[in-house]
Amino acid sequence: MSEVVLSGVVKRYGRVTALAGVDVSVPSGQLTAVLGPSGCGKTTLLRSLAGFERIDAGEIRIDGNRVAGGGRHLPAHRRHIAVVPQEGALFPHLSVADNVGYGLDRAARRSDRVEEVLTLVGLAGYGSRMPHQLSGGQQQRVAVARALAPRPSVVLLDEPFSALDAGLRAGLRHDVREALRADGATGVLVTHDQGEALSVADKVVVLRDGRVVQADAPATIYREPVDAWVAGFVGDAVLLPAVVERGTARTALGALPVTGTVTEGPVTVLVRPEQIRLATGQAGISASVLRHDFHGHDALIGLRLDDGTRITARILDGGPPCPVGDRVTVQVDGPARVFPTQAGPDSATSVLVGLAA
């Protein structure tokens, strides 16, 4: 197990700065997910860690040893890091066992290490099969087993589940997480899937424009985002303009108690869709149903308040039918989180329109 620390890492491609002073710590033996939109620097961060890119400033340390920065660039093959790519990239002419044992020395191949890691990823007994005899999910499991086999200091996972269908992806990422934990491996998962990051990682690092916006436990990222942009990016969010007076936010959803850095005057407030309750014939804010998106375990209800504000409510277990055009009343459970009002393209208003339209 090895701790990974990036300090002030900068990487440029000509005039484009892909990483702009990134500070990230990955605790030993844990899985850290790096999350962000396309072009935020996720892949560059992973490639810099792996040694595929030479950084322009800052430093990278693995288990206290500097592998990049200060005039030093340890090549990829000497960093003892394994990479699991988006697609398994198995050798089609080699068996599963030979694929897994490819990076091992002769003594290790003669040991039971290959079968040990195949068992970790749920493929015990598959060693004699060929890659074309496996499903896509099984091939990714083999790729993870191959990465774990030489006991690397760090395993880097580059969106390894993105090519799989949703049902297979959920089960595989859980099994891979358990395999990393069982082998004591330190992992870095690069993903654009918020649900994936929140569900499997011990820590989530959110990147935007090559900078770390927030790095926290998944629950903290979701419940206590540092700004309106993170709130809107990590999970569904209803972001509303408000005015705080004496510790209460006055919003289109009524007067709400607040958490966060509370200041008097204009602010932006966050309400998660699951906080919004629907009723009929009760006190609350009146609204019309615009859509009912049923997902089985829950449903997302698009609503338009009487003042024209559009919001989204999440009803667990699907809830009762809400036909389009029905009139309902809306209430909010729990406090709203407060952010200073922003201006420009990352403002709360732009986030709200994108989510609720």
Protein backbone atom coordinates (compact mmCIF):
# COMPACT_ATOMS: atom_id res chain seq x y z
CA MET A 1 0.00 0.00 0.00
CA SER A 2 1.29 3.45 -0.90
CA GLU A 3 0.13 7.02 -0.36
CA VAL A 4 0.07 9.22 -3.46
CA VAL A 5 0.56 12.97 -3.14
CA LEU A 6 0.42 15.56 -5.92
CA SER A 7 1.62 19.04 -4.89
CA GLY A 8 1.12 22.06 -7.13
CA VAL A 9 1.17 19.94 -10.30
CA VAL A 10 1.06 21.92 -13.55
CA LYS A 11 0.85 20.43 -17.02
CA ARG A 12 0.60 22.48 -20.20
CA TYR A 13 0.07 21.57 -23.83
CA GLY A 14 1.30 24.63 -25.68
CA ARG A 15 -0.93 27.50 -24.59
CA VAL A 16 -3.47 25.18 -22.94
CA THR A 17 -3.04 24.54 -19.22
CA ALA A 18 -4.52 21.10 -18.49
CA LEU A 19 -3.52 21.03 -14.80
CA ALA A 20 -3.21 24.36 -13.00
CA GLY A 21 -1.56 23.70 -9.65
CA VAL A 22 -3.30 20.50 -8.58
CA ASP A 23 -2.99 19.38 -4.95
CA VAL A 24 -4.33 15.88 -4.32
CA SER A 25 -3.61 13.26 -1.67
CA VAL A 26 -4.64 9.63 -2.11
CA PRO A 27 -4.52 7.77 1.21
CA SER A 28 -2.76 4.43 1.26
CA GLY A 29 -5.04 1.47 0.64
CA GLN A 30 -8.03 3.59 -0.35
CA LEU A 31 -9.80 4.30 -3.63
CA THR A 32 -9.98 7.94 -4.69
CA ALA A 33 -12.24 8.95 -7.58
CA VAL A 34 -11.30 11.92 -9.77
CA LEU A 35 -14.51 13.40 -11.11
CA GLY A 36 -15.20 16.23 -13.51
CA PRO A 37 -16.64 17.22 -16.89
CA SER A 38 -14.90 16.56 -20.20
CA GLY A 39 -11.75 18.65 -20.61
CA CYS A 40 -11.27 19.30 -16.89
CA GLY A 41 -7.87 17.53 -16.70
CA LYS A 42 -8.84 14.07 -15.39
CA THR A 43 -6.99 12.06 -18.02
CA THR A 44 -3.95 14.34 -17.87
CA LEU A 45 -3.78 13.83 -14.11
CA LEU A 46 -3.89 10.05 -14.56
CA ARG A 47 -1.27 10.08 -17.31
CA SER A 48 0.99 12.30 -15.21
CA LEU A 49 0.67 9.87 -12.30
CA ALA A 50 1.45 6.92 -14.53
CA GLY A 51 4.55 8.61 -15.95
CA PHE A 52 3.18 8.92 -19.48
CA GLU A 53 3.40 12.73 -19.28
CA ARG A 54 6.20 14.91 -17.92
CA ILE A 55 4.80 17.60 -15.60
CA ASP A 56 5.85 21.26 -15.98
CA ALA A 57 5.81 22.22 -12.29
CA GLY A 58 5.06 20.80 -8.86
CA GLU A 59 5.85 17.27 -7.77
CA ILE A 60 4.36 13.80 -7.42
CA ARG A 61 5.32 11.47 -4.58
CA ILE A 62 4.44 7.80 -4.15
CA ASP A 63 4.99 6.37 -0.69
CA GLY A 64 7.13 9.41 0.11
CA ASN A 65 9.42 8.98 -2.91
CA ARG A 66 9.44 11.73 -5.52
CA VAL A 67 8.71 10.29 -8.96
CA ALA A 68 8.15 13.58 -10.80
CA GLY A 69 9.10 17.22 -10.30
CA GLY A 70 12.21 19.13 -9.33
CA GLY A 71 14.05 17.97 -12.43
CA ARG A 72 13.12 14.33 -11.87
CA HIS A 73 10.91 12.18 -14.10
CA LEU A 74 10.87 8.51 -13.19
CA PRO A 75 9.78 6.58 -16.29
CA ALA A 76 6.50 4.73 -16.25
CA HIS A 77 8.02 1.22 -16.05
CA ARG A 78 9.88 2.13 -12.86
CA ARG A 79 6.94 3.64 -10.92
CA HIS A 80 5.38 0.26 -10.05
CA ILE A 81 1.99 1.55 -11.16
CA ALA A 82 -0.64 -0.46 -13.06
CA VAL A 83 -3.21 1.04 -15.43
CA VAL A 84 -6.61 -0.45 -16.25
CA PRO A 85 -7.78 1.19 -19.53
CA GLN A 86 -11.33 1.89 -20.69
CA GLU A 87 -11.33 -1.37 -22.63
CA GLY A 88 -9.50 -4.41 -21.31
CA ALA A 89 -6.87 -4.45 -24.12
CA LEU A 90 -6.23 -8.16 -23.55
CA PHE A 91 -3.89 -10.12 -25.82
CA PRO A 92 -6.32 -12.10 -28.00
CA HIS A 93 -3.85 -14.97 -28.63
CA LEU A 94 -3.17 -15.59 -24.92
CA SER A 95 -5.35 -17.40 -22.42
CA VAL A 96 -6.83 -15.61 -19.44
CA ALA A 97 -4.11 -17.00 -17.17
CA ASP A 98 -1.36 -15.96 -19.58
CA ASN A 99 -2.87 -12.46 -19.89
CA VAL A 100 -2.94 -12.09 -16.11
CA GLY A 101 0.57 -13.46 -15.68
CA TYR A 102 2.11 -11.48 -18.54
CA GLY A 103 3.80 -8.92 -16.28
CA LEU A 104 5.04 -11.45 -13.71
CA ASP A 105 8.49 -12.97 -13.52
CA ARG A 106 8.93 -16.69 -14.02
CA ALA A 107 8.83 -17.53 -10.32
CA ALA A 108 5.62 -15.55 -9.76
CA ARG A 109 3.96 -17.23 -12.75
CA ARG A 110 4.74 -20.61 -11.23
CA SER A 111 3.14 -19.55 -7.93
CA ASP A 112 -0.59 -19.36 -7.27
CA ARG A 113 -0.68 -15.56 -7.76
CA VAL A 114 -2.57 -15.76 -11.07
CA GLU A 115 -5.34 -17.91 -9.64
CA GLU A 116 -5.37 -15.75 -6.49
CA VAL A 117 -6.15 -12.55 -8.38
CA LEU A 118 -8.63 -14.29 -10.67
CA THR A 119 -10.48 -15.38 -7.53
CA LEU A 120 -10.38 -11.80 -6.24
CA VAL A 121 -12.18 -10.56 -9.37
CA GLY A 122 -14.70 -13.41 -9.41
CA LEU A 123 -13.14 -15.47 -12.21
CA ALA A 124 -11.81 -18.52 -10.37
CA GLY A 125 -11.39 -21.39 -12.81
CA TYR A 126 -11.39 -19.17 -15.93
CA GLY A 127 -7.64 -19.32 -16.51
CA SER A 128 -7.76 -21.65 -19.52
CA ARG A 129 -10.34 -19.63 -21.45
CA MET A 130 -9.51 -17.28 -24.31
CA PRO A 131 -10.56 -13.60 -24.31
CA HIS A 132 -13.08 -14.10 -27.12
CA GLN A 133 -14.89 -16.62 -24.91
CA LEU A 134 -15.59 -13.94 -22.28
CA SER A 135 -18.22 -11.23 -22.02
CA GLY A 136 -17.21 -7.58 -21.95
CA GLY A 137 -17.57 -7.45 -18.19
CA GLN A 138 -15.45 -10.58 -17.74
CA GLN A 139 -12.74 -9.13 -19.95
CA GLN A 140 -12.62 -6.04 -17.74
CA ARG A 141 -12.29 -8.29 -14.70
CA VAL A 142 -9.31 -9.97 -16.35
CA ALA A 143 -7.78 -6.53 -17.00
CA VAL A 144 -8.14 -5.69 -13.30
CA ALA A 145 -6.63 -9.05 -12.32
CA ARG A 146 -3.69 -8.39 -14.66
CA ALA A 147 -3.16 -4.99 -13.02
CA LEU A 148 -3.24 -6.48 -9.51
CA ALA A 149 -1.04 -9.50 -10.26
CA PRO A 150 2.40 -7.86 -9.80
CA ARG A 151 1.24 -6.16 -6.55
CA PRO A 152 1.70 -2.58 -7.83
CA SER A 153 2.01 0.38 -5.50
CA VAL A 154 -0.95 2.07 -7.19
CA VAL A 155 -3.69 0.95 -9.58
CA LEU A 156 -5.03 3.61 -11.96
CA LEU A 157 -8.47 2.96 -13.45
CA ASP A 158 -9.24 5.03 -16.55
CA GLU A 159 -13.06 4.94 -16.83
CA PRO A 160 -12.87 1.11 -16.97
CA PHE A 161 -16.64 0.58 -16.86
CA SER A 162 -17.77 3.18 -19.42
CA ALA A 163 -18.16 0.71 -22.31
CA LEU A 164 -20.46 -1.62 -20.34
CA ASP A 165 -24.22 -1.47 -20.02
CA ALA A 166 -25.70 0.05 -16.86
CA GLY A 167 -26.73 -3.17 -15.11
CA LEU A 168 -23.37 -4.86 -15.64
CA ARG A 169 -21.46 -1.70 -14.74
CA ALA A 170 -23.00 -1.42 -11.26
CA GLY A 171 -22.13 -4.97 -10.25
CA LEU A 172 -18.64 -4.91 -11.74
CA ARG A 173 -17.53 -1.68 -10.09
CA HIS A 174 -18.57 -3.07 -6.68
CA ASP A 175 -16.63 -6.30 -7.27
CA VAL A 176 -13.57 -4.39 -8.49
CA ARG A 177 -13.70 -2.18 -5.40
CA GLU A 178 -13.78 -5.24 -3.18
CA ALA A 179 -10.88 -6.80 -5.09
CA LEU A 180 -8.75 -3.67 -4.60
CA ARG A 181 -9.59 -3.63 -0.91
CA ALA A 182 -8.86 -7.34 -0.46
CA ASP A 183 -5.47 -6.94 -2.14
CA GLY A 184 -4.64 -3.80 -0.15
CA ALA A 185 -4.16 -1.75 -3.31
CA THR A 186 -4.21 2.04 -3.48
CA GLY A 187 -6.50 3.06 -6.34
CA VAL A 188 -7.27 6.15 -8.42
CA LEU A 189 -10.44 5.98 -10.50
CA VAL A 190 -10.95 8.57 -13.24
CA THR A 191 -14.61 8.94 -14.18
CA HIS A 192 -17.23 11.38 -15.42
CA ASP A 193 -20.02 9.31 -13.79
CA GLN A 194 -21.11 10.99 -10.55
CA GLY A 195 -23.01 7.94 -9.31
CA GLU A 196 -19.97 5.76 -9.88
CA ALA A 197 -17.68 8.09 -7.96
CA LEU A 198 -20.06 8.51 -5.03
CA SER A 199 -20.85 4.80 -4.72
CA VAL A 200 -17.39 3.19 -4.78
CA ALA A 201 -14.81 5.77 -3.69
CA ASP A 202 -13.50 6.49 -0.21
CA LYS A 203 -12.72 10.02 -1.37
CA VAL A 204 -13.88 12.11 -4.32
CA VAL A 205 -11.79 14.82 -5.98
CA VAL A 206 -13.80 17.21 -8.17
CA LEU A 207 -11.86 18.94 -10.95
CA ARG A 208 -12.87 21.97 -12.98
CA ASP A 209 -10.67 23.70 -15.55
CA GLY A 210 -7.58 21.90 -14.30
CA ARG A 211 -8.08 22.85 -10.65
CA VAL A 212 -9.33 20.95 -7.62
CA VAL A 213 -12.64 22.47 -6.57
CA GLN A 214 -13.36 20.09 -3.69
CA ALA A 215 -11.83 16.91 -2.26
CA ASP A 216 -13.87 15.14 0.41
CA ALA A 217 -15.70 11.98 1.39
CA PRO A 218 -18.57 11.18 -1.02
CA ALA A 219 -21.27 12.08 1.51
CA THR A 220 -19.62 15.44 2.20
CA ILE A 221 -19.36 16.23 -1.52
CA TYR A 222 -23.07 15.55 -1.94
CA ARG A 223 -24.40 17.10 1.26
CA GLU A 224 -21.94 19.98 1.67
CA PRO A 225 -20.74 21.07 -1.79
CA VAL A 226 -18.44 24.07 -1.66
CA ASP A 227 -20.26 26.05 -4.34
CA ALA A 228 -23.29 26.04 -6.62
CA TRP A 229 -21.34 24.53 -9.52
CA VAL A 230 -20.31 21.46 -7.49
CA ALA A 231 -23.87 21.16 -6.18
CA GLY A 232 -25.23 21.08 -9.73
CA PHE A 233 -22.53 18.76 -11.07
CA VAL A 234 -22.59 16.12 -8.33
CA GLY A 235 -26.15 14.84 -8.30
CA ASP A 236 -29.43 16.49 -9.22
CA ALA A 237 -29.93 19.92 -7.69
CA VAL A 238 -32.53 22.63 -7.43
CA LEU A 239 -30.68 25.94 -7.18
CA LEU A 240 -32.76 29.01 -6.43
CA PRO A 241 -32.12 32.70 -5.87
CA ALA A 242 -33.03 33.73 -2.34
CA VAL A 243 -32.70 36.46 0.25
CA VAL A 244 -31.55 35.57 3.75
CA GLU A 245 -33.13 37.50 6.59
CA ARG A 246 -32.44 36.59 10.22
CA GLY A 247 -31.18 33.12 9.35
CA THR A 248 -34.08 32.20 7.04
CA ALA A 249 -33.97 32.09 3.24
CA ARG A 250 -36.98 33.47 1.41
CA THR A 251 -37.32 31.53 -1.86
CA ALA A 252 -39.86 30.54 -4.49
CA LEU A 253 -40.40 27.43 -2.32
CA GLY A 254 -41.21 29.51 0.73
CA ALA A 255 -39.19 30.40 3.82
CA LEU A 256 -36.50 27.77 4.42
CA PRO A 257 -34.01 27.18 7.24
CA VAL A 258 -30.45 27.25 5.94
CA THR A 259 -27.02 25.71 6.48
CA GLY A 260 -23.59 26.70 5.20
CA THR A 261 -21.97 30.11 5.36
CA VAL A 262 -25.02 32.18 6.08
CA THR A 263 -24.89 35.87 5.24
CA GLU A 264 -27.73 38.34 5.15
CA GLY A 265 -28.93 39.46 1.74
CA PRO A 266 -29.05 37.87 -1.74
CA VAL A 267 -27.75 34.29 -1.97
CA THR A 268 -28.23 31.06 -3.90
CA VAL A 269 -29.74 28.08 -2.08
CA LEU A 270 -29.50 24.37 -2.82
CA VAL A 271 -32.38 21.97 -2.32
CA ARG A 272 -31.94 18.35 -3.39
CA PRO A 273 -34.92 16.88 -5.31
CA GLU A 274 -35.47 14.23 -2.62
CA GLN A 275 -36.17 17.01 -0.11
CA ILE A 276 -39.23 18.14 -2.08
CA ARG A 277 -42.54 16.57 -1.05
CA LEU A 278 -45.72 16.61 -3.08
CA ALA A 279 -49.26 16.68 -1.69
CA THR A 280 -52.78 17.59 -2.73
CA GLY A 281 -55.19 19.71 -0.77
CA GLN A 282 -52.58 20.70 1.83
CA ALA A 283 -50.76 23.88 2.70
CA GLY A 284 -47.72 24.55 0.56
CA ILE A 285 -46.55 26.15 -2.66
CA SER A 286 -48.82 25.46 -5.64
CA ALA A 287 -47.33 23.86 -8.75
CA SER A 288 -48.26 22.13 -12.00
CA VAL A 289 -46.81 18.78 -13.09
CA LEU A 290 -44.76 19.09 -16.28
CA ARG A 291 -43.42 15.54 -16.51
CA HIS A 292 -43.23 12.23 -14.63
CA ASP A 293 -40.07 10.22 -15.35
CA PHE A 294 -40.50 6.78 -13.76
CA HIS A 295 -37.30 4.87 -12.93
CA GLY A 296 -38.70 1.99 -10.87
CA HIS A 297 -36.95 2.69 -7.56
CA ASP A 298 -37.87 6.36 -7.82
CA ALA A 299 -39.40 8.95 -10.12
CA LEU A 300 -38.37 12.46 -11.10
CA ILE A 301 -41.29 14.90 -11.24
CA GLY A 302 -40.80 18.09 -13.21
CA LEU A 303 -42.82 20.95 -11.74
CA ARG A 304 -43.59 24.58 -12.55
CA LEU A 305 -44.44 26.81 -9.62
CA ASP A 306 -47.11 29.46 -10.06
CA ASP A 307 -44.43 32.16 -10.39
CA GLY A 308 -42.90 30.27 -13.34
CA THR A 309 -39.97 28.71 -11.46
CA ARG A 310 -39.19 25.16 -12.63
CA ILE A 311 -37.99 22.56 -10.14
CA THR A 312 -37.57 18.79 -9.92
CA ALA A 313 -38.80 16.52 -7.12
CA ARG A 314 -37.60 12.95 -6.53
CA ILE A 315 -40.25 10.55 -5.25
CA LEU A 316 -38.87 7.33 -3.77
CA ASP A 317 -40.38 3.98 -4.83
CA GLY A 318 -41.87 5.71 -7.87
CA GLY A 319 -44.67 7.28 -5.85
CA PRO A 320 -48.30 7.61 -6.95
CA PRO A 321 -48.98 8.61 -10.56
CA CYS A 322 -48.60 12.34 -11.22
CA PRO A 323 -50.24 12.97 -14.62
CA VAL A 324 -48.93 15.90 -16.59
CA GLY A 325 -51.08 18.94 -15.90
CA ASP A 326 -52.11 17.90 -12.37
CA ARG A 327 -52.06 20.55 -9.68
CA VAL A 328 -50.11 19.73 -6.52
CA THR A 329 -48.66 21.53 -3.52
CA VAL A 330 -44.97 21.44 -2.69
CA GLN A 331 -43.22 21.37 0.66
CA VAL A 332 -39.51 21.14 1.51
CA ASP A 333 -38.08 18.83 4.16
CA GLY A 334 -34.92 19.96 5.91
CA PRO A 335 -32.70 22.98 5.44
CA ALA A 336 -31.37 24.50 2.23
CA ARG A 337 -27.65 25.02 1.74
CA VAL A 338 -26.53 28.61 1.12
CA PHE A 339 -23.95 29.82 -1.40
CA PRO A 340 -22.93 33.37 -2.26
CA THR A 341 -24.68 34.54 -5.42
CA GLN A 342 -22.43 34.08 -8.44
CA ALA A 343 -22.30 35.92 -11.74
CA GLY A 344 -21.30 34.66 -15.15
CA PRO A 345 -21.60 31.26 -16.87
CA ASP A 346 -21.27 29.27 -13.64
CA SER A 347 -24.07 31.13 -11.90
CA ALA A 348 -26.83 29.34 -10.04
CA THR A 349 -29.41 30.49 -12.56
CA SER A 350 -27.66 28.73 -15.45
CA VAL A 351 -27.33 25.53 -13.40
CA LEU A 352 -31.00 25.64 -12.44
CA VAL A 353 -32.21 26.05 -16.01
CA GLY A 354 -30.03 23.15 -17.17
CA LEU A 355 -31.46 20.79 -14.56
CA ALA A 356 -35.09 21.76 -14.35
CA ALA A 357 -35.96 22.52 -17.99
